[in-house]
Amino acid sequence: MSRLIPLFLASAFALPALAQTATPNACELVMPEEINLVSAIKVEKVVQQKSGNPSECGFIDAKKAAVLVVTVRTVQYAVKDEMGMERDNLEKIYRTKSKPIDTVGEGGYWIPANSQMGFRKGKTIVGVRFNVPKNQNEIDTSQIARVIETRLSK
């Protein structure tokens, strides 16, 4: 009986670790060629800015300026509430209201003050932000967001 207790404890701690889903790499969710179809400035290089949870990727032009930044993070519980808190914080920072978006993922928002779109799919929250003034609009950002959404697993 005493031999089974350590085995039971080891398996009890291993199960939650296996149940967590890995955060997708933000650089693999959209390709530079797809961004170039929408963007006014051509993407030359892809730079992983943060790895792990959250994962952040910058798509860089020839002048080493970011064209697009994609942030992906995975949450374990209450994804809708987490995204709501993130949206509320951005509304307080930029002192503006967000527009709810139902066309991307399982719900999202658009904040015109910083030209950022956030959406959720499954247990993943994604942020998409163009840094090119010509592309800092809801239409261009939602096109890239839809591409990212198709590559996320449920």
Protein backbone atom coordinates (compact mmCIF):
# COMPACT_ATOMS: atom_id res chain seq x y z
CA MET A 1 0.00 0.00 0.00
CA SER A 2 2.80 2.41 0.84
CA ARG A 3 4.28 1.84 -2.63
CA LEU A 4 1.07 2.96 -4.31
CA ILE A 5 0.87 6.34 -2.58
CA PRO A 6 3.89 7.91 -4.38
CA LEU A 7 2.67 6.50 -7.67
CA PHE A 8 -0.80 7.95 -7.08
CA LEU A 9 0.63 11.36 -6.13
CA ALA A 10 2.87 11.45 -9.21
CA SER A 11 -0.03 10.64 -11.51
CA ALA A 12 -2.29 13.17 -9.78
CA PHE A 13 0.19 15.98 -10.44
CA ALA A 14 0.91 14.85 -14.00
CA LEU A 15 -2.72 14.88 -15.20
CA PRO A 16 -3.33 18.65 -14.90
CA ALA A 17 -0.05 19.31 -16.72
CA LEU A 18 -1.17 17.11 -19.60
CA ALA A 19 -4.63 18.68 -19.70
CA GLN A 20 -3.29 22.19 -20.36
CA THR A 21 -3.09 23.14 -24.00
CA ALA A 22 0.11 24.61 -25.32
CA THR A 23 0.07 28.22 -26.47
CA PRO A 24 0.35 28.41 -30.26
CA ASN A 25 3.39 30.18 -31.67
CA ALA A 26 2.17 33.58 -32.90
CA CYS A 27 4.67 33.56 -35.78
CA GLU A 28 3.19 30.38 -37.25
CA LEU A 29 -0.42 31.59 -37.35
CA VAL A 30 -0.04 33.97 -40.29
CA MET A 31 2.52 34.06 -43.09
CA PRO A 32 4.28 37.20 -44.39
CA GLU A 33 2.83 36.55 -47.88
CA GLU A 34 -0.70 36.75 -46.45
CA ILE A 35 0.09 40.01 -44.66
CA ASN A 36 1.62 41.47 -47.84
CA LEU A 37 -1.70 40.96 -49.64
CA VAL A 38 -3.36 43.36 -47.19
CA SER A 39 -0.58 45.64 -45.98
CA ALA A 40 0.61 48.82 -47.67
CA ILE A 41 4.21 48.02 -46.63
CA LYS A 42 5.90 44.72 -47.45
CA VAL A 43 6.90 42.38 -44.59
CA GLU A 44 10.58 41.43 -44.89
CA LYS A 45 11.28 39.55 -41.65
CA VAL A 46 9.46 37.74 -38.84
CA VAL A 47 10.70 38.28 -35.27
CA GLN A 48 9.57 36.32 -32.22
CA GLN A 49 9.26 39.01 -29.54
CA LYS A 50 7.94 36.82 -26.71
CA SER A 51 7.74 33.07 -26.46
CA GLY A 52 5.68 30.94 -24.12
CA ASN A 53 2.40 32.25 -22.77
CA PRO A 54 1.81 34.91 -24.10
CA SER A 55 3.48 34.45 -27.46
CA GLU A 56 4.13 37.65 -29.43
CA CYS A 57 5.40 38.02 -32.97
CA GLY A 58 6.40 41.09 -34.93
CA PHE A 59 6.30 41.19 -38.71
CA ILE A 60 9.03 43.66 -39.71
CA ASP A 61 9.59 45.73 -42.87
CA ALA A 62 12.88 46.66 -44.59
CA LYS A 63 13.34 49.70 -42.30
CA LYS A 64 13.10 47.42 -39.21
CA ALA A 65 9.73 48.84 -38.19
CA ALA A 66 6.84 46.59 -37.22
CA VAL A 67 4.12 46.21 -39.83
CA LEU A 68 1.93 43.89 -37.75
CA VAL A 69 2.08 42.54 -34.20
CA VAL A 70 0.23 39.37 -33.20
CA THR A 71 -0.15 38.32 -29.56
CA VAL A 72 -1.56 34.94 -28.54
CA ARG A 73 -2.21 33.66 -25.04
CA THR A 74 -3.93 30.62 -23.64
CA VAL A 75 -6.06 30.73 -20.51
CA GLN A 76 -7.30 27.77 -18.56
CA TYR A 77 -10.67 29.02 -17.30
CA ALA A 78 -13.22 31.73 -18.12
CA VAL A 79 -11.86 32.82 -21.48
CA LYS A 80 -14.74 35.23 -22.09
CA ASP A 81 -14.15 36.92 -18.72
CA GLU A 82 -10.38 37.18 -19.29
CA MET A 83 -10.92 38.81 -22.67
CA GLY A 84 -13.51 41.14 -21.13
CA MET A 85 -11.02 42.23 -18.47
CA GLU A 86 -8.37 42.82 -21.14
CA ARG A 87 -10.84 44.91 -23.18
CA ASP A 88 -11.93 46.89 -20.08
CA ASN A 89 -8.31 47.67 -19.20
CA LEU A 90 -7.62 48.93 -22.73
CA GLU A 91 -10.77 51.07 -22.60
CA LYS A 92 -9.56 52.65 -19.36
CA ILE A 93 -6.05 53.25 -20.71
CA TYR A 94 -7.19 54.83 -23.98
CA ARG A 95 -10.35 56.41 -22.53
CA THR A 96 -12.51 55.14 -25.33
CA LYS A 97 -15.16 52.50 -25.91
CA SER A 98 -14.60 49.33 -27.87
CA LYS A 99 -16.83 47.98 -30.59
CA PRO A 100 -17.99 44.37 -30.15
CA ILE A 101 -17.06 42.08 -33.05
CA ASP A 102 -19.01 38.88 -33.74
CA THR A 103 -17.52 38.04 -37.14
CA VAL A 104 -14.15 36.75 -35.89
CA GLY A 105 -13.76 33.82 -33.53
CA GLU A 106 -16.25 33.29 -30.72
CA GLY A 107 -16.48 37.00 -30.00
CA GLY A 108 -14.10 39.90 -29.98
CA TYR A 109 -13.62 43.66 -29.90
CA TRP A 110 -12.14 46.51 -31.92
CA ILE A 111 -10.56 49.52 -30.20
CA PRO A 112 -10.09 52.38 -32.68
CA ALA A 113 -7.88 54.43 -30.35
CA ASN A 114 -4.94 52.03 -30.68
CA SER A 115 -6.19 50.16 -33.78
CA GLN A 116 -6.24 46.81 -32.03
CA MET A 117 -8.54 43.85 -32.52
CA GLY A 118 -8.87 41.10 -29.94
CA PHE A 119 -10.82 37.89 -30.26
CA ARG A 120 -11.14 34.51 -28.61
CA LYS A 121 -11.41 31.00 -29.93
CA GLY A 122 -11.55 28.05 -27.60
CA LYS A 123 -9.18 28.80 -24.72
CA THR A 124 -7.04 31.17 -26.79
CA ILE A 125 -7.11 34.98 -26.79
CA VAL A 126 -5.53 36.72 -29.80
CA GLY A 127 -4.57 40.37 -30.28
CA VAL A 128 -3.87 41.77 -33.76
CA ARG A 129 -2.48 45.27 -34.34
CA PHE A 130 -1.28 46.92 -37.56
CA ASN A 131 1.40 49.59 -37.12
CA VAL A 132 1.07 50.93 -40.67
CA PRO A 133 -1.20 54.02 -40.62
CA LYS A 134 -2.92 53.10 -43.90
CA ASN A 135 -3.87 49.67 -42.51
CA GLN A 136 -4.95 50.77 -39.03
CA ASN A 137 -8.60 50.06 -39.70
CA GLU A 138 -11.09 47.41 -38.73
CA ILE A 139 -11.39 45.88 -42.21
CA ASP A 140 -7.69 45.16 -42.79
CA THR A 141 -7.17 43.97 -39.24
CA SER A 142 -10.17 41.65 -39.37
CA GLN A 143 -8.89 40.07 -42.61
CA ILE A 144 -5.69 39.03 -40.86
CA ALA A 145 -7.65 38.00 -37.75
CA ARG A 146 -9.79 35.64 -39.85
CA VAL A 147 -6.66 34.03 -41.30
CA ILE A 148 -5.33 33.51 -37.76
CA GLU A 149 -8.69 32.13 -36.60
CA THR A 150 -8.64 29.40 -39.24
CA ARG A 151 -5.27 28.17 -37.94
CA LEU A 152 -6.28 28.00 -34.28
CA SER A 153 -7.51 24.67 -32.94
CA LYS A 154 -10.78 24.63 -31.01
